[in-house]
């Protein structure tokens, strides 16, 4: 809906004083203009939806890639930890026998 704010000129009844004060009078746009504006608004919103959808898909792909990378690093860390733990256990066993 298209709204306009007008300035009204008021004339005082008790004297000849006139003043310009803003009035909050509302004018409604013609129906064909309202339809055009609604269609333009709808197009803008649809474009925003498509852009946000593409951004969401990109973020999901990035999250999946980051998650895979994290899983690989965690697996490598656990393997190194187990390998180190095994080496330390063997070293303790050798040291306690001698």
N, C-alpha and C. Protein backbone atom coordinates (compact mmCIF):
# COMPACT_ATOMS: atom_id res chain seq x y z
N UNK A 1 0.85 -1.17 0.00
CA UNK A 1 0.00 0.00 0.00
C UNK A 1 0.89 1.23 0.00
N UNK A 2 0.63 2.17 -0.88
CA UNK A 2 1.40 3.39 -0.98
C UNK A 2 0.75 4.44 -0.11
N UNK A 3 1.52 5.05 0.79
CA UNK A 3 1.00 6.08 1.69
C UNK A 3 1.71 7.39 1.41
N UNK A 4 0.97 8.48 1.49
CA UNK A 4 1.53 9.82 1.30
C UNK A 4 1.23 10.65 2.53
N UNK A 5 2.17 11.51 2.90
CA UNK A 5 1.96 12.45 4.00
C UNK A 5 1.83 13.84 3.38
N UNK A 6 0.77 14.54 3.72
CA UNK A 6 0.51 15.86 3.14
C UNK A 6 0.71 16.94 4.18
N UNK A 7 0.94 18.15 3.71
CA UNK A 7 1.01 19.33 4.56
C UNK A 7 -0.26 20.13 4.30
N UNK A 8 -1.01 20.37 5.37
CA UNK A 8 -2.26 21.11 5.23
C UNK A 8 -2.07 22.54 5.70
N UNK A 9 -2.74 23.44 5.06
CA UNK A 9 -2.73 24.83 5.48
C UNK A 9 -3.99 25.06 6.30
N UNK A 10 -3.80 25.44 7.57
CA UNK A 10 -4.93 25.64 8.47
C UNK A 10 -5.18 27.14 8.63
N UNK A 11 -6.42 27.49 8.63
CA UNK A 11 -6.81 28.88 8.82
C UNK A 11 -7.55 28.97 10.14
N UNK A 12 -7.09 29.87 10.99
CA UNK A 12 -7.72 30.06 12.29
C UNK A 12 -9.04 30.81 12.10
N UNK A 13 -10.09 30.33 12.72
CA UNK A 13 -11.42 30.92 12.54
C UNK A 13 -11.54 32.25 13.28
N UNK A 14 -10.91 32.40 14.43
CA UNK A 14 -11.06 33.59 15.23
C UNK A 14 -10.24 34.76 14.72
N UNK A 15 -9.27 34.53 13.88
CA UNK A 15 -8.47 35.61 13.30
C UNK A 15 -8.08 35.22 11.88
N UNK A 16 -7.27 36.01 11.27
CA UNK A 16 -6.89 35.73 9.89
C UNK A 16 -5.53 35.04 9.82
N UNK A 17 -5.14 34.41 10.88
CA UNK A 17 -3.84 33.74 10.97
C UNK A 17 -3.88 32.41 10.21
N UNK A 18 -2.88 32.16 9.39
CA UNK A 18 -2.77 30.88 8.70
C UNK A 18 -1.44 30.24 9.07
N UNK A 19 -1.42 28.93 9.13
CA UNK A 19 -0.17 28.23 9.44
C UNK A 19 -0.12 26.94 8.64
N UNK A 20 1.09 26.56 8.32
CA UNK A 20 1.29 25.29 7.62
C UNK A 20 1.79 24.27 8.64
N UNK A 21 0.98 23.29 8.90
CA UNK A 21 1.38 22.24 9.83
C UNK A 21 1.24 20.90 9.11
N UNK A 22 2.16 20.00 9.38
CA UNK A 22 2.06 18.70 8.74
C UNK A 22 0.84 17.94 9.24
N UNK A 23 0.18 17.29 8.36
CA UNK A 23 -0.98 16.49 8.71
C UNK A 23 -0.68 15.04 8.36
N UNK A 24 -1.15 14.15 9.16
CA UNK A 24 -0.93 12.73 8.93
C UNK A 24 -2.05 12.13 8.09
N UNK A 25 -2.51 12.88 7.10
CA UNK A 25 -3.56 12.34 6.24
C UNK A 25 -2.95 11.28 5.33
N UNK A 26 -3.68 10.23 5.09
CA UNK A 26 -3.20 9.08 4.35
C UNK A 26 -3.94 8.99 3.02
N UNK A 27 -3.18 8.84 1.95
CA UNK A 27 -3.76 8.64 0.63
C UNK A 27 -3.38 7.24 0.16
N UNK A 28 -4.33 6.52 -0.30
CA UNK A 28 -4.09 5.16 -0.76
C UNK A 28 -3.84 5.19 -2.26
N UNK A 29 -2.83 4.44 -2.69
CA UNK A 29 -2.48 4.38 -4.11
C UNK A 29 -3.58 3.64 -4.88
N UNK A 30 -3.69 3.92 -6.15
CA UNK A 30 -4.69 3.22 -6.98
C UNK A 30 -4.39 1.72 -7.03
N UNK A 31 -5.42 0.91 -7.26
CA UNK A 31 -5.25 -0.55 -7.24
C UNK A 31 -4.20 -1.07 -8.21
N UNK A 32 -4.12 -0.52 -9.43
CA UNK A 32 -3.12 -1.01 -10.37
C UNK A 32 -1.69 -0.74 -9.89
N UNK A 33 -1.50 0.39 -9.21
CA UNK A 33 -0.19 0.70 -8.66
C UNK A 33 0.12 -0.21 -7.47
N UNK A 34 -0.90 -0.50 -6.68
CA UNK A 34 -0.72 -1.41 -5.55
C UNK A 34 -0.30 -2.79 -6.05
N UNK A 35 -0.94 -3.26 -7.13
CA UNK A 35 -0.59 -4.57 -7.69
C UNK A 35 0.85 -4.58 -8.19
N UNK A 36 1.26 -3.50 -8.87
CA UNK A 36 2.63 -3.41 -9.37
C UNK A 36 3.63 -3.45 -8.22
N UNK A 37 3.31 -2.70 -7.17
CA UNK A 37 4.20 -2.66 -6.02
C UNK A 37 4.23 -4.02 -5.32
N UNK A 38 3.08 -4.68 -5.24
CA UNK A 38 3.02 -6.00 -4.61
C UNK A 38 3.85 -7.00 -5.41
N UNK A 39 3.74 -6.95 -6.74
CA UNK A 39 4.52 -7.85 -7.59
C UNK A 39 6.02 -7.58 -7.45
N UNK A 40 6.38 -6.30 -7.40
CA UNK A 40 7.79 -5.95 -7.23
C UNK A 40 8.30 -6.44 -5.88
N UNK A 41 7.49 -6.25 -4.85
CA UNK A 41 7.86 -6.72 -3.51
C UNK A 41 7.99 -8.24 -3.47
N UNK A 42 7.06 -8.91 -4.15
CA UNK A 42 7.09 -10.37 -4.19
C UNK A 42 8.35 -10.85 -4.91
N UNK A 43 8.71 -10.18 -6.01
CA UNK A 43 9.91 -10.56 -6.76
C UNK A 43 11.16 -10.37 -5.91
N UNK A 44 11.23 -9.26 -5.20
CA UNK A 44 12.38 -8.99 -4.33
C UNK A 44 12.49 -10.06 -3.25
N UNK A 45 11.35 -10.40 -2.63
CA UNK A 45 11.36 -11.41 -1.58
C UNK A 45 11.74 -12.79 -2.12
N UNK A 46 11.27 -13.13 -3.31
CA UNK A 46 11.62 -14.42 -3.91
C UNK A 46 13.12 -14.46 -4.22
N UNK A 47 13.67 -13.34 -4.71
CA UNK A 47 15.11 -13.28 -4.97
C UNK A 47 15.90 -13.47 -3.68
N UNK A 48 15.43 -12.85 -2.61
CA UNK A 48 16.10 -13.00 -1.31
C UNK A 48 16.02 -14.44 -0.83
N UNK A 49 14.87 -15.08 -1.03
CA UNK A 49 14.70 -16.47 -0.62
C UNK A 49 15.68 -17.36 -1.39
N UNK A 50 15.78 -17.16 -2.70
CA UNK A 50 16.70 -17.96 -3.51
C UNK A 50 18.15 -17.74 -3.08
N UNK A 51 18.50 -16.49 -2.83
CA UNK A 51 19.86 -16.18 -2.39
C UNK A 51 20.16 -16.84 -1.04
N UNK A 52 19.22 -16.76 -0.10
CA UNK A 52 19.42 -17.37 1.21
C UNK A 52 19.48 -18.89 1.10
N UNK A 53 18.70 -19.46 0.19
CA UNK A 53 18.73 -20.90 -0.01
C UNK A 53 20.10 -21.34 -0.55
N UNK A 54 20.62 -20.60 -1.52
CA UNK A 54 21.95 -20.92 -2.06
C UNK A 54 23.01 -20.78 -0.96
N UNK A 55 22.90 -19.73 -0.16
CA UNK A 55 23.86 -19.53 0.92
C UNK A 55 23.77 -20.66 1.94
N UNK A 56 22.55 -21.09 2.23
CA UNK A 56 22.34 -22.20 3.16
C UNK A 56 22.98 -23.49 2.64
N UNK A 57 22.79 -23.77 1.35
CA UNK A 57 23.40 -24.96 0.75
C UNK A 57 24.92 -24.89 0.81
N UNK A 58 25.48 -23.72 0.52
CA UNK A 58 26.93 -23.55 0.58
C UNK A 58 27.44 -23.78 2.00
N UNK A 59 26.72 -23.26 2.98
CA UNK A 59 27.13 -23.44 4.38
C UNK A 59 27.02 -24.90 4.80
N UNK A 60 25.99 -25.61 4.30
CA UNK A 60 25.86 -27.03 4.62
C UNK A 60 27.02 -27.83 4.04
N UNK A 61 27.42 -27.51 2.81
CA UNK A 61 28.57 -28.19 2.21
C UNK A 61 29.85 -27.90 2.99
N UNK A 62 30.02 -26.66 3.38
CA UNK A 62 31.20 -26.27 4.17
C UNK A 62 31.20 -26.99 5.51
N UNK A 63 30.04 -27.10 6.14
CA UNK A 63 29.94 -27.81 7.42
C UNK A 63 30.30 -29.29 7.25
N UNK A 64 29.79 -29.91 6.18
CA UNK A 64 30.09 -31.32 5.94
C UNK A 64 31.60 -31.52 5.73
N UNK A 65 32.22 -30.63 4.94
CA UNK A 65 33.66 -30.74 4.69
C UNK A 65 34.45 -30.55 5.98
N UNK A 66 34.07 -29.58 6.77
CA UNK A 66 34.76 -29.31 8.03
C UNK A 66 34.58 -30.47 9.00
N UNK A 67 33.39 -31.04 9.01
CA UNK A 67 33.12 -32.18 9.88
C UNK A 67 33.97 -33.39 9.48
N UNK A 68 34.08 -33.64 8.17
CA UNK A 68 34.92 -34.74 7.70
C UNK A 68 36.38 -34.52 8.09
N UNK A 69 36.85 -33.30 7.91
CA UNK A 69 38.24 -32.97 8.25
C UNK A 69 38.47 -33.17 9.75
N UNK A 70 37.51 -32.74 10.56
CA UNK A 70 37.62 -32.91 12.01
C UNK A 70 37.67 -34.40 12.38
N UNK A 71 36.80 -35.19 11.75
CA UNK A 71 36.78 -36.63 12.03
C UNK A 71 38.12 -37.29 11.68
N UNK A 72 38.70 -36.89 10.54
CA UNK A 72 40.00 -37.44 10.14
C UNK A 72 41.09 -37.06 11.14
N UNK A 73 41.09 -35.81 11.56
CA UNK A 73 42.10 -35.35 12.53
C UNK A 73 41.92 -36.05 13.87
N UNK A 74 40.67 -36.24 14.29
CA UNK A 74 40.40 -36.92 15.56
C UNK A 74 40.85 -38.38 15.49
N UNK A 75 40.59 -39.04 14.34
CA UNK A 75 41.00 -40.43 14.17
C UNK A 75 42.53 -40.53 14.22
N UNK A 76 43.24 -39.63 13.52
CA UNK A 76 44.71 -39.63 13.54
C UNK A 76 45.24 -39.38 14.95
N UNK A 77 44.60 -38.45 15.66
CA UNK A 77 45.03 -38.15 17.03
C UNK A 77 44.90 -39.39 17.91
N UNK A 78 43.76 -40.07 17.81
CA UNK A 78 43.54 -41.27 18.63
C UNK A 78 44.54 -42.38 18.27
N UNK A 79 44.85 -42.54 16.98
CA UNK A 79 45.83 -43.54 16.56
C UNK A 79 47.21 -43.21 17.13
N UNK A 80 47.61 -41.93 17.05
CA UNK A 80 48.91 -41.53 17.61
C UNK A 80 48.94 -41.73 19.12
N UNK A 81 47.83 -41.40 19.77
CA UNK A 81 47.73 -41.55 21.22
C UNK A 81 47.88 -43.02 21.61
N UNK A 82 47.19 -43.91 20.89
CA UNK A 82 47.28 -45.34 21.18
C UNK A 82 48.69 -45.87 20.90
N UNK A 83 49.27 -45.41 19.80
CA UNK A 83 50.64 -45.83 19.45
C UNK A 83 51.62 -45.39 20.53
N UNK A 84 51.51 -44.15 20.98
CA UNK A 84 52.39 -43.63 22.03
C UNK A 84 52.17 -44.37 23.34
N UNK A 85 50.91 -44.66 23.66
CA UNK A 85 50.59 -45.38 24.89
C UNK A 85 51.21 -46.78 24.85
N UNK A 86 51.14 -47.42 23.70
CA UNK A 86 51.73 -48.76 23.54
C UNK A 86 53.24 -48.71 23.70
N UNK A 87 53.88 -47.72 23.09
CA UNK A 87 55.33 -47.57 23.22
C UNK A 87 55.73 -47.35 24.67
N UNK A 88 55.01 -46.49 25.38
CA UNK A 88 55.32 -46.22 26.79
C UNK A 88 55.14 -47.48 27.63
N UNK A 89 54.10 -48.24 27.34
CA UNK A 89 53.84 -49.48 28.09
C UNK A 89 54.98 -50.48 27.87
N UNK A 90 55.41 -50.60 26.60
CA UNK A 90 56.54 -51.50 26.30
C UNK A 90 57.81 -51.03 27.00
N UNK A 91 58.05 -49.72 26.99
CA UNK A 91 59.25 -49.18 27.65
C UNK A 91 59.20 -49.44 29.14
N UNK A 92 58.06 -49.34 29.76
CA UNK A 92 57.94 -49.60 31.21
C UNK A 92 58.18 -51.08 31.50
N UNK A 93 57.65 -51.91 30.64
CA UNK A 93 57.86 -53.35 30.85
C UNK A 93 59.34 -53.70 30.73
N UNK A 94 60.05 -53.12 29.79
CA UNK A 94 61.48 -53.38 29.61
C UNK A 94 62.26 -52.87 30.82
N UNK A 95 61.91 -51.68 31.30
CA UNK A 95 62.60 -51.07 32.43
C UNK A 95 62.35 -51.82 33.74
N UNK A 96 61.18 -52.38 33.93
CA UNK A 96 60.89 -53.08 35.18
C UNK A 96 61.57 -54.45 35.22
N UNK A 97 61.88 -55.05 34.06
CA UNK A 97 62.54 -56.35 34.02
C UNK A 97 64.03 -56.22 34.31
N UNK A 98 64.61 -55.12 34.01
CA UNK A 98 66.06 -54.98 34.20
C UNK A 98 66.42 -54.49 35.57
